[in-house]
């Protein structure tokens, strides 16, 4: 069950991510495995779409909310704009964000990819500890200093699947 929030509470949560108008405002509360921020409000499930809707203006049916920064969990309204699906996909290909199976196979994984907050050893230990039933995902996440969603994804094998 997820917490139902008022419009004001959602706006406050979005603005709490802010640092400056130029920098990305990263939504870290909960993220999909594909990197997009998860937030449910007014029938929308993507944090960047909700940020656009509440901080910029209404969404247009059939339009995507595009990121000028190419950061999927960014909710900075200065980085968001509406575009057609074909415009969004064209931009994705031009900026080499489109992950074809060939390219995905060559990407660095786990600790080698440079942005990982976990180590191979930490994931292995967390999976063993969680399997005992003595620890919750939140307790394990707190122990290594990551979000609950990051730890849950690692334990379930959505990330670190090659261990």
N, C-alpha and C. Protein backbone atom coordinates (compact mmCIF):
# COMPACT_ATOMS: atom_id res chain seq x y z
N UNK A 1 0.86 -1.18 0.00
CA UNK A 1 0.00 0.00 0.00
C UNK A 1 0.90 1.24 0.00
N UNK A 2 0.60 2.17 -0.84
CA UNK A 2 1.40 3.37 -0.94
C UNK A 2 0.66 4.55 -0.34
N UNK A 3 1.44 5.43 0.22
CA UNK A 3 0.92 6.63 0.85
C UNK A 3 0.25 7.53 -0.19
N UNK A 4 -0.98 7.90 0.09
CA UNK A 4 -1.67 8.87 -0.77
C UNK A 4 -1.28 10.25 -0.31
N UNK A 5 -0.86 11.07 -1.24
CA UNK A 5 -0.39 12.41 -0.91
C UNK A 5 -1.26 13.45 -1.58
N UNK A 6 -1.40 14.55 -0.91
CA UNK A 6 -2.10 15.69 -1.51
C UNK A 6 -1.19 16.31 -2.57
N UNK A 7 -1.78 17.16 -3.39
CA UNK A 7 -1.01 17.88 -4.41
C UNK A 7 0.13 18.66 -3.76
N UNK A 8 -0.17 19.32 -2.64
CA UNK A 8 0.84 20.12 -1.94
C UNK A 8 1.99 19.24 -1.42
N UNK A 9 1.65 18.05 -0.90
CA UNK A 9 2.68 17.13 -0.40
C UNK A 9 3.57 16.62 -1.54
N UNK A 10 2.98 16.37 -2.69
CA UNK A 10 3.75 15.90 -3.85
C UNK A 10 4.69 17.01 -4.33
N UNK A 11 4.18 18.24 -4.41
CA UNK A 11 5.02 19.37 -4.83
C UNK A 11 6.16 19.56 -3.84
N UNK A 12 5.87 19.46 -2.55
CA UNK A 12 6.92 19.59 -1.54
C UNK A 12 7.99 18.50 -1.70
N UNK A 13 7.56 17.27 -1.98
CA UNK A 13 8.52 16.17 -2.19
C UNK A 13 9.37 16.42 -3.43
N UNK A 14 8.76 16.92 -4.50
CA UNK A 14 9.51 17.22 -5.72
C UNK A 14 10.52 18.34 -5.48
N UNK A 15 10.10 19.38 -4.80
CA UNK A 15 10.99 20.52 -4.55
C UNK A 15 12.11 20.16 -3.58
N UNK A 16 11.90 19.15 -2.74
CA UNK A 16 12.96 18.74 -1.81
C UNK A 16 14.15 18.13 -2.54
N UNK A 17 13.96 17.77 -3.81
CA UNK A 17 15.05 17.22 -4.64
C UNK A 17 15.92 18.32 -5.22
N UNK A 18 15.46 19.56 -5.13
CA UNK A 18 16.13 20.65 -5.86
C UNK A 18 17.43 21.09 -5.21
N UNK A 19 18.35 21.48 -6.04
CA UNK A 19 19.63 22.06 -5.62
C UNK A 19 19.78 23.43 -6.27
N UNK A 20 19.57 23.46 -7.58
CA UNK A 20 19.63 24.71 -8.34
C UNK A 20 18.85 24.50 -9.63
N UNK A 21 18.60 25.58 -10.36
CA UNK A 21 17.86 25.45 -11.62
C UNK A 21 18.67 24.71 -12.67
N UNK A 22 19.99 24.81 -12.60
CA UNK A 22 20.84 24.19 -13.61
C UNK A 22 21.05 22.70 -13.37
N UNK A 23 21.14 22.29 -12.13
CA UNK A 23 21.44 20.90 -11.80
C UNK A 23 20.19 20.02 -11.89
N UNK A 24 20.41 18.73 -12.09
CA UNK A 24 19.31 17.78 -12.05
C UNK A 24 18.77 17.68 -10.63
N UNK A 25 17.47 17.52 -10.52
CA UNK A 25 16.82 17.24 -9.24
C UNK A 25 16.52 15.75 -9.29
N UNK A 26 17.30 14.94 -8.61
CA UNK A 26 17.17 13.49 -8.73
C UNK A 26 16.11 12.95 -7.78
N UNK A 27 15.15 12.24 -8.35
CA UNK A 27 14.11 11.59 -7.56
C UNK A 27 14.68 10.25 -7.09
N UNK A 28 14.94 10.13 -5.80
CA UNK A 28 15.55 8.91 -5.27
C UNK A 28 14.62 8.15 -4.33
N UNK A 29 13.45 8.69 -4.09
CA UNK A 29 12.53 8.04 -3.16
C UNK A 29 12.21 6.61 -3.57
N UNK A 30 11.90 6.43 -4.85
CA UNK A 30 11.65 5.10 -5.39
C UNK A 30 11.83 5.18 -6.89
N UNK A 31 12.53 4.21 -7.46
CA UNK A 31 12.79 4.23 -8.90
C UNK A 31 12.45 2.88 -9.52
N UNK A 32 12.01 2.94 -10.77
CA UNK A 32 11.81 1.73 -11.55
C UNK A 32 13.18 1.14 -11.88
N UNK A 33 13.25 -0.16 -12.19
CA UNK A 33 14.54 -0.75 -12.59
C UNK A 33 15.17 -0.07 -13.81
N UNK A 34 14.35 0.55 -14.67
CA UNK A 34 14.89 1.22 -15.85
C UNK A 34 15.43 2.61 -15.56
N UNK A 35 15.38 3.04 -14.30
CA UNK A 35 15.97 4.32 -13.90
C UNK A 35 15.00 5.47 -13.74
N UNK A 36 13.78 5.34 -14.25
CA UNK A 36 12.79 6.41 -14.10
C UNK A 36 12.25 6.44 -12.68
N UNK A 37 12.00 7.64 -12.17
CA UNK A 37 11.47 7.79 -10.83
C UNK A 37 10.02 7.36 -10.76
N UNK A 38 9.67 6.65 -9.67
CA UNK A 38 8.29 6.21 -9.45
C UNK A 38 7.64 7.10 -8.41
N UNK A 39 6.48 7.61 -8.76
CA UNK A 39 5.66 8.41 -7.85
C UNK A 39 4.26 8.32 -8.40
N UNK A 40 3.28 8.00 -7.56
CA UNK A 40 1.92 7.90 -8.04
C UNK A 40 1.12 9.11 -7.59
N UNK A 41 0.53 9.79 -8.55
CA UNK A 41 -0.32 10.94 -8.25
C UNK A 41 -1.21 11.22 -9.46
N UNK A 42 -2.48 11.40 -9.22
CA UNK A 42 -3.45 11.79 -10.26
C UNK A 42 -3.39 10.87 -11.49
N UNK A 43 -3.25 9.58 -11.26
CA UNK A 43 -3.25 8.63 -12.36
C UNK A 43 -1.93 8.47 -13.08
N UNK A 44 -0.93 9.23 -12.70
CA UNK A 44 0.40 9.14 -13.31
C UNK A 44 1.34 8.36 -12.39
N UNK A 45 2.28 7.63 -12.98
CA UNK A 45 3.20 6.81 -12.19
C UNK A 45 4.65 7.20 -12.33
N UNK A 46 4.97 8.11 -13.22
CA UNK A 46 6.35 8.51 -13.43
C UNK A 46 6.60 9.88 -12.81
N UNK A 47 7.64 9.97 -11.98
CA UNK A 47 7.92 11.21 -11.24
C UNK A 47 8.14 12.40 -12.18
N UNK A 48 8.83 12.19 -13.32
CA UNK A 48 9.10 13.33 -14.21
C UNK A 48 7.82 13.84 -14.87
N UNK A 49 6.87 12.96 -15.14
CA UNK A 49 5.58 13.39 -15.72
C UNK A 49 4.78 14.18 -14.68
N UNK A 50 4.81 13.73 -13.44
CA UNK A 50 4.10 14.43 -12.37
C UNK A 50 4.76 15.78 -12.12
N UNK A 51 6.09 15.83 -12.14
CA UNK A 51 6.79 17.10 -11.95
C UNK A 51 6.38 18.08 -13.05
N UNK A 52 6.33 17.62 -14.28
CA UNK A 52 5.93 18.51 -15.38
C UNK A 52 4.50 19.00 -15.15
N UNK A 53 3.62 18.07 -14.83
CA UNK A 53 2.21 18.39 -14.66
C UNK A 53 1.98 19.42 -13.54
N UNK A 54 2.69 19.27 -12.42
CA UNK A 54 2.46 20.15 -11.27
C UNK A 54 3.30 21.43 -11.30
N UNK A 55 4.47 21.39 -11.91
CA UNK A 55 5.37 22.53 -11.86
C UNK A 55 5.48 23.32 -13.16
N UNK A 56 5.01 22.73 -14.28
CA UNK A 56 5.10 23.42 -15.58
C UNK A 56 3.71 23.69 -16.14
N UNK A 57 2.97 22.63 -16.37
CA UNK A 57 1.63 22.79 -16.95
C UNK A 57 1.03 21.44 -17.28
N UNK A 58 -0.16 21.45 -17.85
CA UNK A 58 -0.85 20.19 -18.12
C UNK A 58 -0.14 19.35 -19.19
N UNK A 59 -0.31 18.03 -19.05
CA UNK A 59 0.22 17.10 -20.05
C UNK A 59 -0.73 17.08 -21.24
N UNK A 60 -0.19 16.87 -22.43
CA UNK A 60 -1.02 16.74 -23.62
C UNK A 60 -1.14 15.26 -23.95
N UNK A 61 -2.34 14.80 -24.23
CA UNK A 61 -2.50 13.38 -24.59
C UNK A 61 -1.62 13.02 -25.79
N UNK A 62 -0.95 11.88 -25.68
CA UNK A 62 -0.11 11.42 -26.77
C UNK A 62 1.29 12.01 -26.80
N UNK A 63 1.63 12.84 -25.83
CA UNK A 63 2.96 13.45 -25.78
C UNK A 63 3.78 12.84 -24.65
N UNK A 64 5.07 12.73 -24.87
CA UNK A 64 6.01 12.29 -23.85
C UNK A 64 6.56 13.52 -23.12
N UNK A 65 7.03 13.31 -21.90
CA UNK A 65 7.79 14.35 -21.21
C UNK A 65 9.25 13.99 -21.42
N UNK A 66 9.97 14.84 -22.13
CA UNK A 66 11.36 14.58 -22.52
C UNK A 66 12.32 15.28 -21.57
N UNK A 67 13.47 14.63 -21.35
CA UNK A 67 14.53 15.19 -20.50
C UNK A 67 15.61 15.82 -21.37
N UNK A 68 15.90 17.08 -21.18
CA UNK A 68 17.02 17.70 -21.91
C UNK A 68 18.35 17.24 -21.34
N UNK A 69 18.34 16.76 -20.10
CA UNK A 69 19.57 16.34 -19.40
C UNK A 69 19.89 14.87 -19.59
N UNK A 70 18.97 14.09 -20.16
CA UNK A 70 19.15 12.65 -20.37
C UNK A 70 19.27 11.87 -19.07
N UNK A 71 18.77 12.41 -17.97
CA UNK A 71 18.80 11.71 -16.68
C UNK A 71 17.39 11.29 -16.35
N UNK A 72 17.15 9.99 -16.37
CA UNK A 72 15.79 9.47 -16.28
C UNK A 72 15.06 9.82 -14.99
N UNK A 73 15.76 9.91 -13.87
CA UNK A 73 15.07 10.22 -12.61
C UNK A 73 15.13 11.71 -12.24
N UNK A 74 15.48 12.55 -13.20
CA UNK A 74 15.50 13.99 -12.97
C UNK A 74 14.07 14.54 -13.01
N UNK A 75 13.74 15.38 -12.01
CA UNK A 75 12.41 16.00 -11.94
C UNK A 75 12.50 17.53 -11.98
N UNK A 76 13.65 18.06 -12.41
CA UNK A 76 13.82 19.51 -12.52
C UNK A 76 12.96 20.00 -13.69
N UNK A 77 11.97 20.87 -13.40
CA UNK A 77 11.09 21.33 -14.49
C UNK A 77 11.83 22.08 -15.60
N UNK A 78 13.01 22.64 -15.29
CA UNK A 78 13.81 23.33 -16.30
C UNK A 78 14.38 22.34 -17.32
N UNK A 79 14.44 21.06 -16.97
CA UNK A 79 15.02 20.03 -17.84
C UNK A 79 13.94 19.24 -18.58
N UNK A 80 12.66 19.56 -18.36
CA UNK A 80 11.56 18.78 -18.92
C UNK A 80 10.80 19.57 -19.98
N UNK A 81 10.40 18.88 -21.03
CA UNK A 81 9.59 19.50 -22.07
C UNK A 81 8.71 18.43 -22.70
N UNK A 82 7.64 18.87 -23.33
CA UNK A 82 6.76 17.93 -24.04
C UNK A 82 7.28 17.70 -25.44
N UNK A 83 7.13 16.47 -25.91
CA UNK A 83 7.51 16.12 -27.27
C UNK A 83 6.75 14.90 -27.72
N UNK A 84 6.63 14.72 -29.02
CA UNK A 84 5.95 13.54 -29.53
C UNK A 84 6.82 12.32 -29.27
N UNK A 85 6.24 11.16 -29.37
CA UNK A 85 7.01 9.92 -29.18
C UNK A 85 8.12 9.82 -30.21
N UNK A 86 7.83 10.19 -31.47
CA UNK A 86 8.87 10.11 -32.50
C UNK A 86 10.00 11.11 -32.22
N UNK A 87 9.68 12.31 -31.71
CA UNK A 87 10.73 13.27 -31.36
C UNK A 87 11.59 12.72 -30.21
N UNK A 88 10.93 12.12 -29.22
CA UNK A 88 11.64 11.57 -28.07
C UNK A 88 12.56 10.42 -28.49
N UNK A 89 12.06 9.53 -29.34
CA UNK A 89 12.88 8.41 -29.81
C UNK A 89 14.03 8.87 -30.70
N UNK A 90 13.78 9.87 -31.55
CA UNK A 90 14.84 10.40 -32.40
C UNK A 90 15.95 11.00 -31.53
N UNK A 91 15.55 11.77 -30.53
CA UNK A 91 16.51 12.37 -29.60
C UNK A 91 17.29 11.28 -28.85
N UNK A 92 16.60 10.25 -28.49
CA UNK A 92 17.22 9.13 -27.78
C UNK A 92 18.32 8.48 -28.64
N UNK A 93 18.03 8.25 -29.90
CA UNK A 93 19.00 7.65 -30.80
C UNK A 93 20.16 8.61 -31.06
N UNK A 94 19.85 9.89 -31.31
CA UNK A 94 20.89 10.89 -31.58
C UNK A 94 21.87 11.02 -30.42
N UNK A 95 21.37 10.91 -29.22
CA UNK A 95 22.21 11.07 -28.02
C UNK A 95 22.77 9.74 -27.52
N UNK A 96 22.56 8.70 -28.28
CA UNK A 96 23.07 7.37 -27.98
C UNK A 96 22.58 6.87 -26.61
N UNK A 97 21.32 7.12 -26.33
CA UNK A 97 20.71 6.60 -25.11
C UNK A 97 19.88 5.36 -25.40
N UNK A 98 19.76 5.03 -26.67
CA UNK A 98 18.93 3.90 -27.07
C UNK A 98 19.74 2.62 -26.88
N UNK A 99 19.31 1.78 -25.99
CA UNK A 99 20.08 0.57 -25.64
C UNK A 99 19.64 -0.60 -26.51
N UNK A 100 20.39 -0.83 -27.55
CA UNK A 100 20.15 -2.00 -28.38
C UNK A 100 20.81 -3.19 -27.68
N UNK A 101 20.40 -4.42 -27.98
CA UNK A 101 21.04 -5.57 -27.33
C UNK A 101 22.55 -5.60 -27.51
N UNK A 102 23.04 -5.18 -28.68
CA UNK A 102 24.48 -5.18 -28.93
C UNK A 102 25.19 -4.21 -27.99
N UNK A 103 24.65 -2.99 -27.88
CA UNK A 103 25.28 -1.99 -27.01
C UNK A 103 25.14 -2.38 -25.54
N UNK A 104 23.97 -2.89 -25.16
CA UNK A 104 23.74 -3.26 -23.77
C UNK A 104 24.72 -4.34 -23.32
N UNK A 105 25.05 -5.23 -24.22
CA UNK A 105 25.97 -6.31 -23.88
C UNK A 105 27.38 -5.79 -23.61
N UNK A 106 27.71 -4.62 -24.15
CA UNK A 106 29.06 -4.08 -23.97
C UNK A 106 29.17 -3.12 -22.78
N UNK A 107 28.04 -2.79 -22.17
CA UNK A 107 28.07 -1.84 -21.05
C UNK A 107 28.73 -2.47 -19.82
N UNK A 108 29.45 -1.67 -19.09
CA UNK A 108 30.05 -2.14 -17.85
C UNK A 108 28.95 -2.45 -16.85
N UNK A 109 29.18 -3.42 -16.01
CA UNK A 109 28.18 -3.83 -15.03
C UNK A 109 28.72 -3.67 -13.62
N UNK A 110 27.78 -3.62 -12.70
CA UNK A 110 28.07 -3.62 -11.28
C UNK A 110 29.08 -2.54 -10.89
N UNK A 111 30.11 -2.90 -10.15
CA UNK A 111 31.08 -1.92 -9.67
C UNK A 111 31.84 -1.24 -10.80
N UNK A 112 32.04 -1.93 -11.91
CA UNK A 112 32.83 -1.39 -13.01
C UNK A 112 32.15 -0.26 -13.76
N UNK A 113 30.82 -0.10 -13.60
CA UNK A 113 30.14 0.94 -14.38
C UNK A 113 30.29 2.33 -13.78
N UNK A 114 30.87 2.45 -12.59
CA UNK A 114 31.26 3.75 -12.07
C UNK A 114 30.25 4.48 -11.20
N UNK A 115 28.97 4.16 -11.29
CA UNK A 115 27.97 4.86 -10.49
C UNK A 115 27.39 3.98 -9.39
N UNK A 116 27.86 2.77 -9.30
CA UNK A 116 27.30 1.82 -8.34
C UNK A 116 27.50 2.27 -6.90
N UNK A 117 26.43 2.13 -6.12
CA UNK A 117 26.51 2.44 -4.70
C UNK A 117 26.80 1.19 -3.89
N UNK A 118 26.70 0.03 -4.53
CA UNK A 118 26.92 -1.24 -3.86
C UNK A 118 28.18 -1.91 -4.40
N UNK A 119 28.68 -2.85 -3.63
CA UNK A 119 29.79 -3.68 -4.09
C UNK A 119 29.29 -5.11 -4.23
N UNK A 120 30.04 -5.92 -4.95
CA UNK A 120 29.69 -7.32 -5.13
C UNK A 120 29.56 -8.01 -3.77
N UNK A 121 30.49 -7.73 -2.90
CA UNK A 121 30.48 -8.34 -1.57
C UNK A 121 29.25 -7.92 -0.76
N UNK A 122 28.89 -6.62 -0.83
CA UNK A 122 27.73 -6.13 -0.09
C UNK A 122 26.44 -6.78 -0.59
N UNK A 123 26.32 -6.95 -1.90
CA UNK A 123 25.12 -7.59 -2.46
C UNK A 123 25.05 -9.05 -2.04
N UNK A 124 26.15 -9.72 -2.12
CA UNK A 124 26.20 -11.14 -1.73
C UNK A 124 25.79 -11.30 -0.26
N UNK A 125 26.37 -10.48 0.62
CA UNK A 125 26.04 -10.55 2.05
C UNK A 125 24.57 -10.18 2.30
N UNK A 126 24.08 -9.18 1.61
CA UNK A 126 22.68 -8.75 1.79
C UNK A 126 21.72 -9.85 1.36
N UNK A 127 22.01 -10.51 0.26
CA UNK A 127 21.14 -11.60 -0.19
C UNK A 127 21.12 -12.74 0.81
N UNK A 128 22.28 -13.08 1.35
CA UNK A 128 22.35 -14.15 2.36
C UNK A 128 21.59 -13.74 3.62
N UNK A 129 21.78 -12.51 4.07
CA UNK A 129 21.12 -12.03 5.29
C UNK A 129 19.60 -11.97 5.11
N UNK A 130 19.16 -11.51 3.95
CA UNK A 130 17.73 -11.41 3.68
C UNK A 130 17.09 -12.80 3.63
N UNK A 131 17.82 -13.76 3.08
CA UNK A 131 17.30 -15.13 2.97
C UNK A 131 17.07 -15.77 4.33
N UNK A 132 17.77 -15.30 5.36
CA UNK A 132 17.56 -15.86 6.70
C UNK A 132 16.22 -15.45 7.28
N UNK A 133 15.65 -14.36 6.78
CA UNK A 133 14.39 -13.86 7.30
C UNK A 133 14.53 -13.00 8.54
N UNK A 134 15.76 -12.74 8.95
CA UNK A 134 16.00 -11.96 10.17
C UNK A 134 16.07 -10.46 9.91
N UNK A 135 16.24 -10.08 8.65
CA UNK A 135 16.42 -8.67 8.32
C UNK A 135 15.42 -8.24 7.25
N UNK A 136 14.96 -7.01 7.35
CA UNK A 136 14.10 -6.45 6.32
C UNK A 136 14.99 -5.79 5.26
N UNK A 137 14.41 -5.51 4.13
CA UNK A 137 15.14 -4.81 3.06
C UNK A 137 15.61 -3.45 3.57
N UNK A 138 14.74 -2.76 4.32
CA UNK A 138 15.08 -1.43 4.83
C UNK A 138 16.27 -1.50 5.79
N UNK A 139 16.31 -2.51 6.65
CA UNK A 139 17.44 -2.65 7.58
C UNK A 139 18.75 -2.88 6.82
N UNK A 140 18.70 -3.70 5.81
CA UNK A 140 19.90 -3.96 5.01
C UNK A 140 20.33 -2.73 4.23
N UNK A 141 19.35 -2.00 3.69
CA UNK A 141 19.67 -0.77 2.96
C UNK A 141 20.32 0.25 3.88
N UNK A 142 19.75 0.42 5.08
CA UNK A 142 20.31 1.36 6.05
C UNK A 142 21.74 0.98 6.45
N UNK A 143 22.00 -0.31 6.55
CA UNK A 143 23.32 -0.79 6.97
C UNK A 143 24.42 -0.41 5.98
N UNK A 144 24.08 -0.35 4.69
CA UNK A 144 25.11 -0.01 3.69
C UNK A 144 24.92 1.38 3.09
N UNK A 145 23.89 2.09 3.53
CA UNK A 145 23.71 3.48 3.10
C UNK A 145 23.13 3.67 1.71
N UNK A 146 22.18 2.81 1.33
CA UNK A 146 21.51 2.97 0.04
C UNK A 146 20.01 3.04 0.28
N UNK A 147 19.26 3.37 -0.76
CA UNK A 147 17.80 3.43 -0.64
C UNK A 147 17.21 2.02 -0.58
N UNK A 148 16.00 1.96 -0.09
CA UNK A 148 15.30 0.67 0.00
C UNK A 148 15.12 0.08 -1.40
N UNK A 149 14.79 0.92 -2.38
CA UNK A 149 14.55 0.41 -3.74
C UNK A 149 15.84 -0.14 -4.36
N UNK A 150 16.97 0.49 -4.08
CA UNK A 150 18.25 -0.01 -4.58
C UNK A 150 18.55 -1.38 -3.99
N UNK A 151 18.35 -1.51 -2.68
CA UNK A 151 18.61 -2.80 -2.01
C UNK A 151 17.63 -3.86 -2.48
N UNK A 152 16.36 -3.51 -2.61
CA UNK A 152 15.36 -4.48 -3.05
C UNK A 152 15.69 -5.00 -4.44
N UNK A 153 16.09 -4.10 -5.33
CA UNK A 153 16.44 -4.51 -6.69
C UNK A 153 17.64 -5.45 -6.70
N UNK A 154 18.62 -5.17 -5.84
CA UNK A 154 19.80 -6.03 -5.77
C UNK A 154 19.46 -7.41 -5.20
N UNK A 155 18.64 -7.43 -4.16
CA UNK A 155 18.26 -8.70 -3.55
C UNK A 155 17.43 -9.55 -4.51
N UNK A 156 16.50 -8.92 -5.22
CA UNK A 156 15.63 -9.65 -6.15
C UNK A 156 16.34 -10.04 -7.43
N UNK A 157 17.53 -9.49 -7.68
CA UNK A 157 18.27 -9.81 -8.88
C UNK A 157 17.89 -8.96 -10.08
N UNK A 158 17.11 -7.89 -9.85
CA UNK A 158 16.79 -6.97 -10.94
C UNK A 158 18.05 -6.21 -11.36
N UNK A 159 18.92 -5.96 -10.39
CA UNK A 159 20.26 -5.45 -10.64
C UNK A 159 21.21 -6.49 -10.05
N UNK A 160 22.43 -6.46 -10.45
CA UNK A 160 23.42 -7.43 -9.98
C UNK A 160 22.95 -8.87 -10.30
N UNK A 161 22.31 -9.05 -11.44
CA UNK A 161 21.75 -10.35 -11.81
C UNK A 161 22.84 -11.38 -12.12
N UNK A 162 24.03 -10.93 -12.40
CA UNK A 162 25.10 -11.85 -12.77
C UNK A 162 25.81 -12.47 -11.57
N UNK A 163 25.37 -12.18 -10.36
CA UNK A 163 26.00 -12.80 -9.16
C UNK A 163 25.40 -14.15 -8.89
